[in-house]
Structures are given as structure tokens and as C-alpha cells.
Amino acid sequence: MPLSNTKEVQAMQLPIQKLRPFENHPFQVKDDDEMNQLVWSVLTQGVLTPLVVRPLENDEYEVISGHRRLRACQKAGIETVPALIYALDRYAAAIALVDSNLHREKILPSEKAFAYKLKRDALNHQGKTSPQVGEKLLTVEKIGLDGGDSKNQVLRYIRLTELIPQILSMVDAGKIALTPAVELSYLTGQEQQDLLETMESEDCTPSLSQAIQMKKLSQSGELNMDKIFEILREPKANQQEKISFRVEDLRKFFPKSYSAARIQERILKLLEADCRKRQLSRGER
């Protein structure tokens, strides 16, 4: 339900201590450089956009939109903030929270995964769907339409919520792609823990085909640590042999002022010159 369609709204200055983050909201609030910039902004310009909240019991309020602004105000020592108060129940508030955050410039796969799940569960509770599969899929299609994803993509993201936190963090970091991550989500918690330990010891992550192998073995009850190790040790279809050097081992051959990028550029030029020299030498024979 869009907040613009809600008539019951009240604008007030609210004390920070009466505000509570939305319980289990899916969007991360980090104390990073962007947060420091936001702290500086609220200190110098104030809170330009009011927080959106809903009333709770005991004269407290739950934040629907504005968790980063709330954190910035807490860090800045600001005691009151402008807020728009909407009389919403938990499920309508959950839908509004997701809709107000999904179109941010930066959003992690884990955030989108739990956001889609939160909205689906809220819509289901509101009676927007029945137990019939067809109508549930219509709900997923609506979520995708609102979020800019297809029905199948929404379902893929929701599957990510079945991953253990450590593997989900690897998806956020780009170490594991979305599609193989979806396949891995079908592994049991213990199987995922075994996979995590093997990935860490072998310093590798599964390809899509390897993730599918693990899923099939898991479903047949045959997946164990040894099988995971064997699968991860298999050469990947697109795997290419690599040669690597530590920069520290190369610096003795170059001036101290050279950066790593300049060292790499110089090595390539020397190799190209050597290649041309050998080609000319062969041509003279």
C-alpha cells in the first residue's frame, strides 16, 4: 500500500529515544564513509527528509523509512527528528518499508532477498493470496513488477534466504554468483557449513555446474565433506592457467617510485620487446 494513499498521517518532531528500528528489517546500516558524510550533513543542514514511522505501544514509534538517517542523528548527538507518523499495522508497514528502499542506488543481494521475502509474507498475511499456487505466483509477479525483477528472479532471490550467513556474505561480496548461490541454497545447513570450510581451505568457490552437482547429491542423501572436496577440486570449464607474482618479489628490479600498475606495464613492454627480438632473430636464419 503506497503511503501516499494513506490519509492518516501526522507530522511531528519526535525524540530519538522513542524511535525503534523496524524489527528484523533487511537493509543494512553501516558505519562507513557514506554514514560519516550523512552525519556531517545532518549536523550542518539538519534532517531534510522526515523519517516515516508508525506508532507502537508505550508511546514509542517504529521506523519504516529512514534507518540511516536515524543512525546518523544518533551519532551526531541530535535529540529530535522530524517524522511522518502513519497508523499502519505490522504488515502494511513491512510492505511500505520494502517499497521505499528497493530502488536505492546500491542494494546488496542479501538485502533484496530478505526484502522480497518480507513483502511476500506480508502480502500473504494480508490475504492478498490464497493457498492456491497460481495465486501465490501472481503475488510474486506483483513483487517483481514493483521491484523491477521477473517472477523467477524474485523466487531466486528469496531462495538466498536459505543460505547460512557466511555464504550469503560471499554472495554480497561478489565471490559467489547469484545462480550457483541459488543451487547451494538447497543444501542443508550442515552441508553448507562443510562447503564453507572446504571453500576456505581450498581458496575456491563452486561454479554453477559444481553447485548443481552438490544439490543433486544433497537431494539423494549422498553429499558429504569428501564429495564436496572432490567436486571443488574438479577443473572448471572456463578455468584458465594463471601465472602470478608477488609485487614484493618484483620491486628489487624496479625503482622504488614505481607503483604496482607501472611495474606490470613495464614487464609487459619488456616481454613485447623480447618477443619482437626473437621473431626478428628467427627471420634472419
Protein backbone atom coordinates (compact mmCIF):
# COMPACT_ATOMS: atom_id res chain seq x y z
CA MET A 1 0.00 0.00 0.00
CA PRO A 2 1.63 3.28 -1.08
CA LEU A 3 1.95 5.73 1.78
CA SER A 4 0.59 8.46 -0.49
CA ASN A 5 -2.75 6.64 -0.40
CA THR A 6 -2.85 6.68 3.39
CA LYS A 7 -4.85 9.56 4.83
CA GLU A 8 -3.96 9.02 8.49
CA VAL A 9 -0.66 10.88 8.72
CA GLN A 10 0.68 13.27 11.32
CA ALA A 11 3.87 15.36 11.16
CA MET A 12 5.79 15.80 14.42
CA GLN A 13 9.22 16.31 15.95
CA LEU A 14 9.98 13.09 17.82
CA PRO A 15 12.64 12.37 20.45
CA ILE A 16 15.31 9.98 19.22
CA GLN A 17 14.93 7.76 22.29
CA LYS A 18 11.31 6.98 21.34
CA LEU A 19 12.24 5.60 17.91
CA ARG A 20 12.84 1.89 17.30
CA PRO A 21 14.27 0.28 14.14
CA PHE A 22 11.81 -1.89 12.24
CA GLU A 23 12.17 -5.37 13.73
CA ASN A 24 14.34 -7.63 11.50
CA HIS A 25 14.36 -5.12 8.66
CA PRO A 26 16.51 -6.40 5.75
CA PHE A 27 18.53 -3.29 4.93
CA GLN A 28 22.00 -2.88 6.41
CA VAL A 29 23.01 0.29 8.24
CA LYS A 30 26.80 0.55 8.21
CA ASP A 31 29.10 2.98 9.98
CA ASP A 32 31.13 3.65 6.83
CA ASP A 33 32.31 6.69 4.86
CA GLU A 34 28.81 7.29 3.48
CA MET A 35 27.46 7.29 7.01
CA ASN A 36 30.12 9.81 8.05
CA GLN A 37 29.01 12.06 5.19
CA LEU A 38 25.40 11.72 6.30
CA VAL A 39 26.38 12.61 9.88
CA TRP A 40 28.09 15.75 8.59
CA SER A 41 25.01 16.57 6.51
CA VAL A 42 22.58 16.37 9.43
CA LEU A 43 24.97 18.38 11.58
CA THR A 44 25.30 21.17 9.05
CA GLN A 45 21.90 21.13 7.32
CA GLY A 46 19.63 19.21 9.65
CA VAL A 47 17.37 16.32 8.66
CA LEU A 48 15.95 17.44 5.32
CA THR A 49 13.67 14.43 4.74
CA PRO A 50 11.40 13.37 7.62
CA LEU A 51 11.55 9.81 8.88
CA VAL A 52 8.46 7.68 8.27
CA VAL A 53 7.27 5.86 11.39
CA ARG A 54 4.26 4.07 12.86
CA PRO A 55 3.07 4.26 16.47
CA LEU A 56 3.75 1.41 18.87
CA GLU A 57 2.62 0.83 22.42
CA ASN A 58 4.19 2.70 25.34
CA ASP A 59 4.41 5.95 23.35
CA GLU A 60 7.16 4.62 21.07
CA TYR A 61 7.47 4.55 17.27
CA GLU A 62 8.83 2.03 14.76
CA VAL A 63 10.85 3.37 11.83
CA ILE A 64 9.55 2.41 8.38
CA SER A 65 11.81 4.62 6.29
CA GLY A 66 14.90 6.47 7.50
CA HIS A 67 17.07 3.96 9.37
CA ARG A 68 20.29 5.51 8.06
CA ARG A 69 19.09 9.00 8.97
CA LEU A 70 18.21 7.73 12.44
CA ARG A 71 21.69 6.27 12.89
CA ALA A 72 23.31 9.47 11.62
CA CYS A 73 21.31 11.53 14.11
CA GLN A 74 22.31 9.19 16.93
CA LYS A 75 25.99 9.54 16.00
CA ALA A 76 25.63 13.31 15.67
CA GLY A 77 24.00 13.65 19.09
CA ILE A 78 20.78 15.09 17.69
CA GLU A 79 17.92 14.60 20.15
CA THR A 80 14.80 15.13 18.00
CA VAL A 81 13.97 14.45 14.34
CA PRO A 82 11.11 15.38 12.01
CA ALA A 83 8.83 12.43 11.34
CA LEU A 84 5.66 11.49 9.49
CA ILE A 85 3.50 9.19 11.60
CA TYR A 86 1.30 6.66 9.78
CA ALA A 87 -1.23 4.44 11.55
CA LEU A 88 -0.21 1.17 9.91
CA ASP A 89 -0.23 -2.40 11.12
CA ARG A 90 2.93 -4.52 11.02
CA TYR A 91 2.20 -5.99 7.59
CA ALA A 92 1.28 -2.77 5.81
CA ALA A 93 4.38 -1.19 7.35
CA ALA A 94 6.56 -4.06 6.08
CA ILE A 95 5.30 -3.55 2.53
CA ALA A 96 5.90 0.21 2.77
CA LEU A 97 9.41 -0.38 4.16
CA VAL A 98 10.36 -2.64 1.25
CA ASP A 99 8.85 -0.38 -1.40
CA SER A 100 10.63 2.69 -0.03
CA ASN A 101 14.06 1.03 -0.08
CA LEU A 102 14.16 -1.31 -3.09
CA HIS A 103 15.02 1.40 -5.59
CA ARG A 104 18.11 2.67 -3.78
CA GLU A 105 21.21 3.11 -5.93
CA LYS A 106 23.10 0.43 -4.00
CA ILE A 107 21.37 -2.69 -2.70
CA LEU A 108 23.01 -5.99 -1.77
CA PRO A 109 21.67 -9.37 -2.91
CA SER A 110 21.01 -10.33 0.73
CA GLU A 111 19.03 -7.12 1.28
CA LYS A 112 16.89 -7.74 -1.79
CA ALA A 113 16.44 -11.40 -0.82
CA PHE A 114 15.09 -10.70 2.66
CA ALA A 115 13.13 -7.68 1.42
CA TYR A 116 11.29 -9.77 -1.17
CA LYS A 117 10.61 -12.46 1.44
CA LEU A 118 9.35 -9.89 3.93
CA LYS A 119 6.99 -8.38 1.37
CA ARG A 120 5.74 -11.76 0.16
CA ASP A 121 4.99 -12.88 3.71
CA ALA A 122 3.24 -9.59 4.48
CA LEU A 123 1.08 -9.80 1.35
CA ASN A 124 0.19 -13.40 2.13
CA HIS A 125 -0.81 -12.45 5.68
CA GLN A 126 -2.99 -9.63 4.41
CA GLY A 127 -5.00 -12.17 2.43
CA LYS A 128 -3.86 -10.88 -0.94
CA THR A 129 -3.31 -14.53 -1.95
CA SER A 130 -4.92 -17.84 -1.22
CA PRO A 131 -3.18 -21.17 -0.64
CA GLN A 132 -3.57 -21.89 -4.35
CA VAL A 133 -0.21 -21.98 -6.14
CA GLY A 134 -1.43 -19.94 -9.10
CA GLU A 135 -2.47 -17.02 -6.93
CA LYS A 136 0.78 -17.16 -4.97
CA LEU A 137 2.66 -16.82 -8.24
CA LEU A 138 0.58 -13.76 -9.06
CA THR A 139 1.79 -12.24 -5.80
CA VAL A 140 5.41 -12.97 -6.75
CA GLU A 141 4.80 -11.38 -10.14
CA LYS A 142 3.46 -8.25 -8.43
CA ILE A 143 6.51 -8.10 -6.16
CA GLY A 144 8.77 -8.41 -9.21
CA LEU A 145 6.87 -5.72 -11.05
CA ASP A 146 7.26 -3.35 -8.09
CA GLY A 147 10.94 -4.23 -7.68
CA GLY A 148 11.95 -4.32 -11.34
CA ASP A 149 12.59 -8.08 -11.46
CA SER A 150 10.88 -11.02 -13.15
CA LYS A 151 8.81 -13.55 -11.21
CA ASN A 152 11.59 -16.14 -11.49
CA GLN A 153 14.21 -13.66 -10.35
CA VAL A 154 12.15 -12.83 -7.26
CA LEU A 155 11.94 -16.53 -6.43
CA ARG A 156 15.71 -16.87 -6.91
CA TYR A 157 16.38 -14.01 -4.51
CA ILE A 158 14.02 -15.46 -1.90
CA ARG A 159 15.91 -18.77 -2.11
CA LEU A 160 19.05 -16.93 -0.95
CA THR A 161 17.46 -16.53 2.48
CA GLU A 162 18.09 -20.27 2.96
CA LEU A 163 21.88 -19.76 2.83
CA ILE A 164 23.93 -19.65 6.01
CA PRO A 165 25.14 -16.08 6.78
CA GLN A 166 28.79 -16.74 5.85
CA ILE A 167 27.92 -17.98 2.35
CA LEU A 168 25.34 -15.23 1.88
CA SER A 169 28.09 -12.72 2.71
CA MET A 170 30.18 -14.22 -0.09
CA VAL A 171 27.28 -13.58 -2.47
CA ASP A 172 27.15 -9.95 -1.30
CA ALA A 173 30.91 -9.65 -1.86
CA GLY A 174 30.62 -11.00 -5.41
CA LYS A 175 32.64 -14.13 -4.62
CA ILE A 176 29.70 -16.40 -5.50
CA ALA A 177 27.32 -15.50 -8.33
CA LEU A 178 23.55 -15.46 -7.85
CA THR A 179 22.73 -18.55 -9.96
CA PRO A 180 25.11 -21.01 -8.25
CA ALA A 181 24.17 -19.48 -4.90
CA VAL A 182 20.52 -20.39 -5.56
CA GLU A 183 21.53 -24.02 -6.18
CA LEU A 184 23.60 -24.05 -2.97
CA SER A 185 20.59 -22.82 -1.01
CA TYR A 186 19.07 -26.30 -1.35
CA LEU A 187 21.90 -27.81 0.72
CA THR A 188 21.21 -28.46 4.40
CA GLY A 189 22.72 -26.17 6.99
CA GLN A 190 25.40 -28.74 7.87
CA GLU A 191 26.22 -29.34 4.21
CA GLN A 192 26.61 -25.60 3.70
CA GLN A 193 28.90 -25.45 6.73
CA ASP A 194 31.02 -28.27 5.26
CA LEU A 195 31.10 -26.41 1.94
CA LEU A 196 32.20 -23.21 3.67
CA GLU A 197 35.09 -24.99 5.41
CA THR A 198 36.18 -26.58 2.14
CA MET A 199 35.99 -23.29 0.24
CA GLU A 200 38.15 -21.64 2.89
CA SER A 201 40.74 -24.43 2.96
CA GLU A 202 40.96 -24.73 -0.84
CA ASP A 203 40.55 -20.99 -1.53
CA CYS A 204 37.91 -21.55 -4.21
CA THR A 205 34.18 -21.25 -4.86
CA PRO A 206 31.87 -23.55 -6.85
CA SER A 207 30.84 -22.94 -10.43
CA LEU A 208 27.22 -23.36 -11.48
CA SER A 209 27.78 -26.95 -12.66
CA GLN A 210 29.55 -27.82 -9.40
CA ALA A 211 26.73 -26.26 -7.35
CA ILE A 212 24.19 -28.32 -9.32
CA GLN A 213 26.20 -31.49 -8.62
CA MET A 214 26.14 -30.74 -4.90
CA LYS A 215 22.40 -30.05 -4.96
CA LYS A 216 21.69 -33.40 -6.64
CA LEU A 217 23.89 -35.30 -4.18
CA SER A 218 22.25 -33.48 -1.28
CA GLN A 219 18.79 -34.43 -2.51
CA SER A 220 19.83 -38.09 -2.76
CA GLY A 221 21.45 -38.02 0.69
CA GLU A 222 24.95 -38.67 -0.69
CA LEU A 223 26.64 -35.31 -0.12
CA ASN A 224 29.39 -35.20 2.48
CA MET A 225 32.68 -33.39 3.10
CA ASP A 226 34.65 -35.79 0.88
CA LYS A 227 32.23 -35.36 -2.04
CA ILE A 228 32.33 -31.57 -1.66
CA PHE A 229 36.13 -31.68 -1.71
CA GLU A 230 36.16 -33.87 -4.84
CA ILE A 231 33.72 -31.60 -6.66
CA LEU A 232 35.58 -28.40 -5.81
CA ARG A 233 38.88 -29.95 -6.94
CA GLU A 234 37.47 -30.65 -10.40
CA PRO A 235 38.76 -28.20 -13.06
CA LYS A 236 36.13 -25.66 -14.07
CA ALA A 237 35.10 -25.48 -17.72
CA ASN A 238 36.23 -21.87 -18.04
CA GLN A 239 39.26 -22.23 -15.79
CA GLN A 240 42.49 -20.96 -17.31
CA GLU A 241 46.02 -21.48 -16.07
CA LYS A 242 47.37 -18.37 -14.38
CA ILE A 243 50.83 -17.12 -13.54
CA SER A 244 51.13 -14.77 -10.60
CA PHE A 245 53.94 -12.91 -8.87
CA ARG A 246 54.08 -11.11 -5.58
CA VAL A 247 54.83 -7.41 -6.04
CA GLU A 248 57.39 -7.64 -3.24
CA ASP A 249 59.39 -10.17 -5.29
CA LEU A 250 59.50 -7.83 -8.29
CA ARG A 251 60.25 -4.48 -6.63
CA LYS A 252 64.01 -5.16 -6.42
CA PHE A 253 64.13 -4.97 -10.24
CA PHE A 254 62.43 -1.56 -10.47
CA PRO A 255 62.83 1.93 -8.99
CA LYS A 256 61.17 2.38 -5.59
CA SER A 257 58.86 5.05 -7.03
CA TYR A 258 57.16 2.51 -9.36
CA SER A 259 53.61 1.57 -8.43
CA ALA A 260 52.31 -1.98 -8.91
CA ALA A 261 50.44 -0.87 -12.04
CA ARG A 262 53.58 0.71 -13.50
CA ILE A 263 55.61 -2.43 -12.75
CA GLN A 264 53.03 -4.51 -14.60
CA GLU A 265 53.07 -2.12 -17.55
CA ARG A 266 56.88 -2.20 -17.69
CA ILE A 267 57.01 -6.01 -17.57
CA LEU A 268 54.56 -6.29 -20.46
CA LYS A 269 56.58 -3.83 -22.56
CA LEU A 270 59.80 -5.75 -21.87
CA LEU A 271 58.13 -9.03 -22.84
CA GLU A 272 56.76 -7.48 -26.04
CA ALA A 273 60.24 -6.18 -26.93
CA ASP A 274 61.78 -9.58 -26.23
CA CYS A 275 59.12 -11.28 -28.38
CA ARG A 276 59.82 -8.94 -31.33
CA LYS A 277 63.56 -9.54 -30.92
CA ARG A 278 63.11 -13.31 -31.08
CA GLN A 279 60.82 -13.01 -34.11
CA LEU A 280 63.42 -10.91 -35.94
CA SER A 281 66.12 -13.38 -34.96
CA ARG A 282 64.17 -16.27 -36.42
CA GLY A 283 63.55 -14.30 -39.61
CA GLU A 284 67.29 -13.78 -40.20
CA ARG A 285 68.03 -17.50 -40.03
